[in-house]
């Protein structure tokens, strides 16, 4: 039996890395689709859909973190790079770079979505303050402690 540069266990590690990177790519693609839907829901003010999408993103993010940790553990192994075929190693690193680019786009989109939701929240708060001020002014001029709304008053006042 001849000796090769790659033992069966080394091939298994390379296969495991390839499987993990493919899984990460799939998860990131699903997360990107959910993120795009979330942005649309935020823009159109569909609160229920936003909550549903955020909830469905959580397990994906958790799984991406887990897969990423496994990939990182393999990549930091000092012997791993030398055990892998250079072409496969380069392709794997390129695929990981592509995943990182998608994750960067997702972080940017999420930051924009957060700014949009914050501005919407601030606008609603401003409107509520104005509405409260208007009601206080009406109370001050009506001379009554209750809400001044003549439509709801009975005949006896």
N, C-alpha and C. Protein backbone atom coordinates (compact mmCIF):
# COMPACT_ATOMS: atom_id res chain seq x y z
N UNK A 1 0.85 -1.17 0.00
CA UNK A 1 0.00 0.00 0.00
C UNK A 1 0.89 1.23 0.00
N UNK A 2 0.60 2.19 -0.86
CA UNK A 2 1.41 3.39 -0.96
C UNK A 2 0.86 4.47 -0.06
N UNK A 3 1.76 5.35 0.33
CA UNK A 3 1.36 6.46 1.19
C UNK A 3 0.99 7.66 0.32
N UNK A 4 -0.07 8.34 0.67
CA UNK A 4 -0.47 9.55 -0.05
C UNK A 4 -0.33 10.75 0.87
N UNK A 5 -0.37 11.92 0.29
CA UNK A 5 -0.24 13.14 1.07
C UNK A 5 -1.48 13.39 1.92
N UNK A 6 -2.58 12.77 1.53
CA UNK A 6 -3.83 13.02 2.24
C UNK A 6 -4.36 11.69 2.78
N UNK A 7 -4.52 11.59 4.08
CA UNK A 7 -5.05 10.39 4.70
C UNK A 7 -6.56 10.42 4.64
N UNK A 8 -7.23 9.30 4.86
CA UNK A 8 -8.70 9.30 4.84
C UNK A 8 -9.29 10.29 5.85
N UNK A 9 -8.67 10.41 7.02
CA UNK A 9 -9.22 11.35 7.99
C UNK A 9 -9.06 12.79 7.53
N UNK A 10 -7.95 13.07 6.81
CA UNK A 10 -7.76 14.42 6.27
C UNK A 10 -8.84 14.74 5.25
N UNK A 11 -9.16 13.76 4.39
CA UNK A 11 -10.21 13.95 3.40
C UNK A 11 -11.55 14.17 4.08
N UNK A 12 -11.77 13.48 5.17
CA UNK A 12 -13.02 13.65 5.91
C UNK A 12 -13.11 15.06 6.47
N UNK A 13 -12.00 15.59 6.95
CA UNK A 13 -12.00 16.96 7.48
C UNK A 13 -12.28 17.97 6.37
N UNK A 14 -11.68 17.74 5.21
CA UNK A 14 -11.94 18.61 4.06
C UNK A 14 -13.39 18.52 3.61
N UNK A 15 -13.92 17.29 3.62
CA UNK A 15 -15.33 17.09 3.27
C UNK A 15 -16.22 17.78 4.28
N UNK A 16 -15.85 17.68 5.56
CA UNK A 16 -16.65 18.33 6.62
C UNK A 16 -16.65 19.84 6.41
N UNK A 17 -15.48 20.40 6.12
CA UNK A 17 -15.41 21.84 5.88
C UNK A 17 -16.27 22.23 4.68
N UNK A 18 -16.18 21.47 3.62
CA UNK A 18 -16.98 21.76 2.42
C UNK A 18 -18.47 21.71 2.74
N UNK A 19 -18.87 20.70 3.51
CA UNK A 19 -20.27 20.57 3.90
C UNK A 19 -20.71 21.76 4.76
N UNK A 20 -19.86 22.15 5.71
CA UNK A 20 -20.19 23.29 6.57
C UNK A 20 -20.29 24.59 5.78
N UNK A 21 -19.37 24.81 4.86
CA UNK A 21 -19.39 26.04 4.06
C UNK A 21 -20.63 26.07 3.17
N UNK A 22 -20.97 24.92 2.59
CA UNK A 22 -22.19 24.85 1.77
C UNK A 22 -23.42 25.13 2.63
N UNK A 23 -23.44 24.59 3.85
CA UNK A 23 -24.57 24.84 4.77
C UNK A 23 -24.65 26.32 5.12
N UNK A 24 -23.48 26.91 5.41
CA UNK A 24 -23.45 28.34 5.74
C UNK A 24 -23.97 29.17 4.57
N UNK A 25 -23.58 28.82 3.36
CA UNK A 25 -24.03 29.53 2.16
C UNK A 25 -25.55 29.45 2.03
N UNK A 26 -26.09 28.26 2.24
CA UNK A 26 -27.54 28.07 2.16
C UNK A 26 -28.27 28.90 3.21
N UNK A 27 -27.78 28.86 4.44
CA UNK A 27 -28.40 29.62 5.53
C UNK A 27 -28.35 31.12 5.26
N UNK A 28 -27.21 31.59 4.79
CA UNK A 28 -27.04 33.02 4.52
C UNK A 28 -27.96 33.46 3.39
N UNK A 29 -28.12 32.61 2.38
CA UNK A 29 -29.04 32.95 1.28
C UNK A 29 -30.48 33.05 1.78
N UNK A 30 -30.88 32.12 2.66
CA UNK A 30 -32.23 32.18 3.24
C UNK A 30 -32.38 33.43 4.10
N UNK A 31 -31.35 33.75 4.86
CA UNK A 31 -31.40 34.94 5.71
C UNK A 31 -31.49 36.21 4.87
N UNK A 32 -30.78 36.23 3.75
CA UNK A 32 -30.84 37.40 2.87
C UNK A 32 -32.25 37.57 2.30
N UNK A 33 -32.90 36.49 1.94
CA UNK A 33 -34.27 36.57 1.42
C UNK A 33 -35.22 37.10 2.50
N UNK A 34 -35.07 36.60 3.73
CA UNK A 34 -35.90 37.10 4.82
C UNK A 34 -35.62 38.57 5.11
N UNK A 35 -34.37 38.95 5.01
CA UNK A 35 -34.00 40.34 5.26
C UNK A 35 -34.62 41.27 4.23
N UNK A 36 -34.63 40.84 2.98
CA UNK A 36 -35.26 41.66 1.93
C UNK A 36 -36.76 41.81 2.20
N UNK A 37 -37.40 40.72 2.61
CA UNK A 37 -38.83 40.78 2.94
C UNK A 37 -39.07 41.68 4.14
N UNK A 38 -38.17 41.60 5.11
CA UNK A 38 -38.29 42.44 6.30
C UNK A 38 -38.18 43.92 5.93
N UNK A 39 -37.26 44.26 5.06
CA UNK A 39 -37.12 45.65 4.63
C UNK A 39 -38.38 46.16 3.96
N UNK A 40 -38.97 45.32 3.12
CA UNK A 40 -40.22 45.69 2.46
C UNK A 40 -41.34 45.90 3.48
N UNK A 41 -41.40 45.01 4.46
CA UNK A 41 -42.44 45.12 5.49
C UNK A 41 -42.24 46.39 6.32
N UNK A 42 -41.01 46.72 6.62
CA UNK A 42 -40.72 47.93 7.38
C UNK A 42 -41.11 49.16 6.58
N UNK A 43 -40.77 49.17 5.31
CA UNK A 43 -41.10 50.32 4.46
C UNK A 43 -42.61 50.52 4.34
N UNK A 44 -43.36 49.42 4.33
CA UNK A 44 -44.80 49.54 4.17
C UNK A 44 -45.55 49.56 5.51
N UNK A 45 -44.81 49.46 6.62
CA UNK A 45 -45.42 49.57 7.94
C UNK A 45 -46.24 48.36 8.37
N UNK A 46 -45.92 47.20 7.88
CA UNK A 46 -46.67 45.98 8.22
C UNK A 46 -46.06 45.35 9.48
N UNK A 47 -46.53 45.81 10.62
CA UNK A 47 -45.96 45.43 11.91
C UNK A 47 -46.02 43.92 12.15
N UNK A 48 -47.14 43.30 11.90
CA UNK A 48 -47.27 41.86 12.14
C UNK A 48 -46.29 41.06 11.31
N UNK A 49 -46.11 41.45 10.06
CA UNK A 49 -45.18 40.75 9.19
C UNK A 49 -43.74 40.97 9.66
N UNK A 50 -43.43 42.16 10.14
CA UNK A 50 -42.09 42.43 10.66
C UNK A 50 -41.79 41.50 11.83
N UNK A 51 -42.72 41.40 12.75
CA UNK A 51 -42.53 40.53 13.92
C UNK A 51 -42.34 39.08 13.48
N UNK A 52 -43.15 38.64 12.55
CA UNK A 52 -43.06 37.26 12.05
C UNK A 52 -41.70 37.01 11.39
N UNK A 53 -41.23 37.96 10.60
CA UNK A 53 -39.95 37.79 9.92
C UNK A 53 -38.78 37.81 10.90
N UNK A 54 -38.83 38.71 11.87
CA UNK A 54 -37.76 38.76 12.87
C UNK A 54 -37.71 37.45 13.64
N UNK A 55 -38.86 36.92 13.98
CA UNK A 55 -38.93 35.65 14.70
C UNK A 55 -38.37 34.51 13.87
N UNK A 56 -38.66 34.51 12.58
CA UNK A 56 -38.16 33.42 11.72
C UNK A 56 -36.67 33.57 11.42
N UNK A 57 -36.12 34.76 11.58
CA UNK A 57 -34.69 34.96 11.36
C UNK A 57 -33.84 34.43 12.51
N UNK A 58 -34.38 34.47 13.71
CA UNK A 58 -33.60 34.09 14.90
C UNK A 58 -32.97 32.70 14.80
N UNK A 59 -33.72 31.64 14.44
CA UNK A 59 -33.09 30.33 14.36
C UNK A 59 -32.01 30.26 13.27
N UNK A 60 -32.23 30.97 12.17
CA UNK A 60 -31.23 30.98 11.11
C UNK A 60 -29.93 31.62 11.60
N UNK A 61 -30.05 32.73 12.29
CA UNK A 61 -28.87 33.41 12.80
C UNK A 61 -28.13 32.52 13.79
N UNK A 62 -28.86 31.86 14.66
CA UNK A 62 -28.24 30.95 15.63
C UNK A 62 -27.49 29.82 14.93
N UNK A 63 -28.10 29.27 13.90
CA UNK A 63 -27.45 28.17 13.17
C UNK A 63 -26.23 28.67 12.40
N UNK A 64 -26.31 29.87 11.84
CA UNK A 64 -25.16 30.44 11.14
C UNK A 64 -24.00 30.61 12.12
N UNK A 65 -24.28 31.07 13.31
CA UNK A 65 -23.23 31.24 14.32
C UNK A 65 -22.60 29.89 14.65
N UNK A 66 -23.41 28.88 14.85
CA UNK A 66 -22.91 27.55 15.17
C UNK A 66 -22.03 27.00 14.04
N UNK A 67 -22.52 27.10 12.82
CA UNK A 67 -21.76 26.62 11.66
C UNK A 67 -20.47 27.43 11.51
N UNK A 68 -20.57 28.73 11.71
CA UNK A 68 -19.38 29.58 11.61
C UNK A 68 -18.31 29.21 12.64
N UNK A 69 -18.74 28.87 13.83
CA UNK A 69 -17.79 28.45 14.87
C UNK A 69 -17.09 27.15 14.47
N UNK A 70 -17.85 26.22 13.89
CA UNK A 70 -17.24 24.97 13.43
C UNK A 70 -16.25 25.22 12.29
N UNK A 71 -16.63 26.08 11.37
CA UNK A 71 -15.72 26.43 10.26
C UNK A 71 -14.46 27.08 10.82
N UNK A 72 -14.63 28.00 11.74
CA UNK A 72 -13.49 28.68 12.35
C UNK A 72 -12.55 27.71 13.05
N UNK A 73 -13.12 26.72 13.75
CA UNK A 73 -12.29 25.74 14.44
C UNK A 73 -11.45 24.93 13.45
N UNK A 74 -12.02 24.60 12.31
CA UNK A 74 -11.28 23.85 11.30
C UNK A 74 -10.20 24.74 10.68
N UNK A 75 -10.55 25.99 10.39
CA UNK A 75 -9.60 26.87 9.71
C UNK A 75 -8.40 27.26 10.57
N UNK A 76 -8.57 27.31 11.89
CA UNK A 76 -7.45 27.69 12.75
C UNK A 76 -6.52 26.52 13.06
N UNK A 77 -6.92 25.32 12.70
CA UNK A 77 -6.06 24.15 12.89
C UNK A 77 -4.81 24.34 12.03
N UNK A 78 -3.63 24.41 12.65
CA UNK A 78 -2.40 24.71 11.89
C UNK A 78 -2.07 23.64 10.85
N UNK A 79 -2.50 22.43 11.07
CA UNK A 79 -2.19 21.36 10.11
C UNK A 79 -3.18 21.29 8.96
N UNK A 80 -4.34 21.90 9.15
CA UNK A 80 -5.41 21.72 8.18
C UNK A 80 -5.04 22.27 6.80
N UNK A 81 -4.52 23.49 6.73
CA UNK A 81 -4.19 24.10 5.44
C UNK A 81 -3.20 23.28 4.66
N UNK A 82 -2.25 22.70 5.34
CA UNK A 82 -1.25 21.90 4.64
C UNK A 82 -1.79 20.55 4.21
N UNK A 83 -2.85 20.09 4.85
CA UNK A 83 -3.42 18.79 4.53
C UNK A 83 -4.39 18.86 3.36
N UNK A 84 -4.86 20.04 3.05
CA UNK A 84 -5.88 20.19 2.02
C UNK A 84 -5.26 20.48 0.66
N UNK A 85 -5.90 20.02 -0.36
CA UNK A 85 -5.52 20.34 -1.73
C UNK A 85 -5.58 21.86 -1.89
N UNK A 86 -4.55 22.43 -2.50
CA UNK A 86 -4.48 23.90 -2.61
C UNK A 86 -5.66 24.49 -3.36
N UNK A 87 -6.09 23.84 -4.43
CA UNK A 87 -7.21 24.35 -5.22
C UNK A 87 -8.50 24.31 -4.40
N UNK A 88 -8.74 23.22 -3.71
CA UNK A 88 -9.94 23.09 -2.88
C UNK A 88 -9.88 24.11 -1.75
N UNK A 89 -8.70 24.28 -1.17
CA UNK A 89 -8.51 25.25 -0.09
C UNK A 89 -8.84 26.66 -0.58
N UNK A 90 -8.33 27.02 -1.76
CA UNK A 90 -8.58 28.35 -2.33
C UNK A 90 -10.06 28.54 -2.65
N UNK A 91 -10.70 27.50 -3.20
CA UNK A 91 -12.14 27.60 -3.50
C UNK A 91 -12.96 27.77 -2.23
N UNK A 92 -12.58 27.05 -1.19
CA UNK A 92 -13.30 27.14 0.08
C UNK A 92 -13.15 28.54 0.67
N UNK A 93 -11.95 29.07 0.64
CA UNK A 93 -11.73 30.42 1.16
C UNK A 93 -12.48 31.46 0.33
N UNK A 94 -12.56 31.24 -0.97
CA UNK A 94 -13.32 32.16 -1.83
C UNK A 94 -14.80 32.10 -1.50
N UNK A 95 -15.32 30.91 -1.26
CA UNK A 95 -16.74 30.76 -0.89
C UNK A 95 -17.00 31.42 0.45
N UNK A 96 -16.08 31.29 1.38
CA UNK A 96 -16.23 31.95 2.69
C UNK A 96 -16.21 33.46 2.51
N UNK A 97 -15.37 33.97 1.61
CA UNK A 97 -15.34 35.42 1.34
C UNK A 97 -16.68 35.90 0.78
N UNK A 98 -17.29 35.09 -0.08
CA UNK A 98 -18.59 35.45 -0.64
C UNK A 98 -19.66 35.49 0.46
N UNK A 99 -19.59 34.54 1.37
CA UNK A 99 -20.53 34.53 2.50
C UNK A 99 -20.34 35.79 3.34
N UNK A 100 -19.09 36.17 3.57
CA UNK A 100 -18.81 37.38 4.35
C UNK A 100 -19.36 38.62 3.66
N UNK A 101 -19.29 38.69 2.33
CA UNK A 101 -19.85 39.84 1.60
C UNK A 101 -21.36 39.92 1.79
N UNK A 102 -22.03 38.78 1.72
CA UNK A 102 -23.48 38.75 1.91
C UNK A 102 -23.81 39.20 3.34
N UNK A 103 -23.05 38.71 4.30
CA UNK A 103 -23.29 39.09 5.70
C UNK A 103 -23.07 40.60 5.88
N UNK A 104 -22.10 41.16 5.21
CA UNK A 104 -21.87 42.61 5.28
C UNK A 104 -23.08 43.36 4.72
N UNK A 105 -23.62 42.89 3.59
CA UNK A 105 -24.82 43.52 3.01
C UNK A 105 -25.99 43.42 3.98
N UNK A 106 -26.13 42.26 4.62
CA UNK A 106 -27.21 42.08 5.59
C UNK A 106 -27.07 43.04 6.76
N UNK A 107 -25.86 43.22 7.27
CA UNK A 107 -25.66 44.16 8.38
C UNK A 107 -26.00 45.58 7.95
N UNK A 108 -25.62 45.95 6.73
CA UNK A 108 -25.94 47.29 6.23
C UNK A 108 -27.45 47.47 6.08
N UNK A 109 -28.12 46.47 5.52
CA UNK A 109 -29.57 46.55 5.35
C UNK A 109 -30.26 46.63 6.71
N UNK A 110 -29.81 45.82 7.66
CA UNK A 110 -30.40 45.85 9.00
C UNK A 110 -30.19 47.20 9.67
N UNK A 111 -29.03 47.81 9.46
CA UNK A 111 -28.77 49.14 10.03
C UNK A 111 -29.72 50.17 9.42
N UNK A 112 -29.94 50.10 8.11
CA UNK A 112 -30.87 51.02 7.46
C UNK A 112 -32.30 50.78 7.95
N UNK A 113 -32.67 49.51 8.10
CA UNK A 113 -34.00 49.19 8.62
C UNK A 113 -34.18 49.73 10.02
N UNK A 114 -33.16 49.60 10.84
CA UNK A 114 -33.25 50.10 12.21
C UNK A 114 -33.42 51.62 12.22
N UNK A 115 -32.67 52.32 11.37
CA UNK A 115 -32.83 53.78 11.29
C UNK A 115 -34.24 54.14 10.85
N UNK A 116 -34.77 53.41 9.89
CA UNK A 116 -36.13 53.68 9.40
C UNK A 116 -37.14 53.47 10.52
N UNK A 117 -37.00 52.36 11.27
CA UNK A 117 -37.94 52.10 12.36
C UNK A 117 -37.80 53.13 13.47
N UNK A 118 -36.58 53.57 13.75
CA UNK A 118 -36.39 54.60 14.77
C UNK A 118 -37.03 55.92 14.36
N UNK A 119 -36.89 56.28 13.09
CA UNK A 119 -37.50 57.54 12.64
C UNK A 119 -39.02 57.43 12.67
N UNK A 120 -39.56 56.26 12.34
CA UNK A 120 -41.01 56.05 12.42
C UNK A 120 -41.47 56.14 13.87
N UNK A 121 -40.72 55.53 14.77
CA UNK A 121 -41.05 55.59 16.21
C UNK A 121 -41.01 57.03 16.70
N UNK A 122 -39.98 57.77 16.32
CA UNK A 122 -39.86 59.16 16.76
C UNK A 122 -41.00 60.02 16.22
N UNK A 123 -41.41 59.76 14.98
CA UNK A 123 -42.52 60.50 14.39
C UNK A 123 -43.82 60.20 15.12
N UNK A 124 -44.05 58.93 15.45
CA UNK A 124 -45.25 58.56 16.21
C UNK A 124 -45.24 59.21 17.60
N UNK A 125 -44.08 59.23 18.24
CA UNK A 125 -43.97 59.86 19.56
C UNK A 125 -44.27 61.34 19.46
N UNK A 126 -43.76 62.00 18.41
CA UNK A 126 -44.02 63.42 18.21
C UNK A 126 -45.52 63.67 18.02
N UNK A 127 -46.17 62.82 17.23
CA UNK A 127 -47.60 62.98 16.99
C UNK A 127 -48.40 62.78 18.27
N UNK A 128 -47.99 61.81 19.09
CA UNK A 128 -48.69 61.59 20.36
C UNK A 128 -48.52 62.78 21.30
N UNK A 129 -47.34 63.36 21.33
CA UNK A 129 -47.11 64.53 22.18
C UNK A 129 -47.97 65.69 21.70
N UNK A 130 -48.02 65.90 20.39
CA UNK A 130 -48.85 66.98 19.84
C UNK A 130 -50.33 66.74 20.15
N UNK A 131 -50.76 65.50 20.04
CA UNK A 131 -52.15 65.19 20.32
C UNK A 131 -52.46 65.43 21.81
N UNK A 132 -51.53 65.05 22.68
CA UNK A 132 -51.70 65.29 24.11
C UNK A 132 -51.74 66.78 24.42
N UNK A 133 -50.89 67.54 23.76
CA UNK A 133 -50.87 69.00 23.97
C UNK A 133 -52.18 69.62 23.50
N UNK A 134 -52.69 69.14 22.38
CA UNK A 134 -53.95 69.68 21.85
C UNK A 134 -55.09 69.36 22.81
N UNK A 135 -55.11 68.16 23.37
CA UNK A 135 -56.17 67.81 24.32
C UNK A 135 -56.05 68.64 25.59
N UNK A 136 -54.83 68.88 26.05
CA UNK A 136 -54.63 69.71 27.24
C UNK A 136 -55.11 71.14 26.99
N UNK A 137 -54.86 71.66 25.81
CA UNK A 137 -55.32 73.01 25.47
C UNK A 137 -56.84 73.06 25.45
N UNK A 138 -57.48 72.07 24.89
CA UNK A 138 -58.94 72.03 24.86
C UNK A 138 -59.51 71.96 26.28
N UNK A 139 -58.88 71.17 27.13
CA UNK A 139 -59.34 71.07 28.52
C UNK A 139 -59.19 72.42 29.22
N UNK A 140 -58.09 73.09 28.96
CA UNK A 140 -57.84 74.37 29.63
C UNK A 140 -58.90 75.40 29.24
N UNK A 141 -59.34 75.41 28.01
CA UNK A 141 -60.32 76.40 27.57
C UNK A 141 -61.75 75.97 27.80
N UNK A 142 -61.96 74.68 28.06
CA UNK A 142 -63.34 74.23 28.24
C UNK A 142 -63.82 74.42 29.67
N UNK A 143 -62.91 74.50 30.62
CA UNK A 143 -63.29 74.69 32.01
C UNK A 143 -63.75 73.41 32.67
N UNK A 144 -63.65 72.30 31.99
CA UNK A 144 -64.03 71.00 32.55
C UNK A 144 -62.79 70.11 32.67
N UNK A 145 -62.86 69.17 33.57
CA UNK A 145 -61.74 68.25 33.75
C UNK A 145 -61.79 67.09 32.75
N UNK A 146 -62.95 66.75 32.28
CA UNK A 146 -63.09 65.64 31.33
C UNK A 146 -62.66 66.05 29.94
N UNK A 147 -62.72 65.12 29.04
CA UNK A 147 -62.37 65.40 27.65
C UNK A 147 -63.46 66.25 27.03
N UNK A 148 -63.11 67.40 26.45
CA UNK A 148 -64.11 68.27 25.83
C UNK A 148 -64.53 67.73 24.47
N UNK A 149 -65.61 67.01 24.47
CA UNK A 149 -66.10 66.46 23.22
C UNK A 149 -67.62 66.58 23.24
N UNK A 150 -68.16 67.65 22.69
CA UNK A 150 -69.59 67.91 22.79
C UNK A 150 -70.44 66.82 22.15
N UNK A 151 -69.91 66.05 21.27
CA UNK A 151 -70.69 65.00 20.63
C UNK A 151 -71.07 63.94 21.64
N UNK A 152 -70.20 63.70 22.63
CA UNK A 152 -70.44 62.64 23.59
C UNK A 152 -71.15 63.15 24.87
N UNK A 153 -71.43 64.45 24.95
CA UNK A 153 -72.09 64.98 26.15
C UNK A 153 -73.59 64.71 26.07
N UNK A 154 -74.16 64.42 27.22
CA UNK A 154 -75.62 64.27 27.22
C UNK A 154 -76.26 65.64 27.39
N UNK A 155 -77.57 65.68 27.44
CA UNK A 155 -78.29 66.96 27.48
C UNK A 155 -78.04 67.74 28.76
N UNK A 156 -77.72 67.05 29.82
CA UNK A 156 -77.55 67.74 31.09
C UNK A 156 -76.11 68.25 31.26
N UNK A 157 -75.20 67.89 30.37
CA UNK A 157 -73.84 68.43 30.41
C UNK A 157 -73.02 67.79 31.41
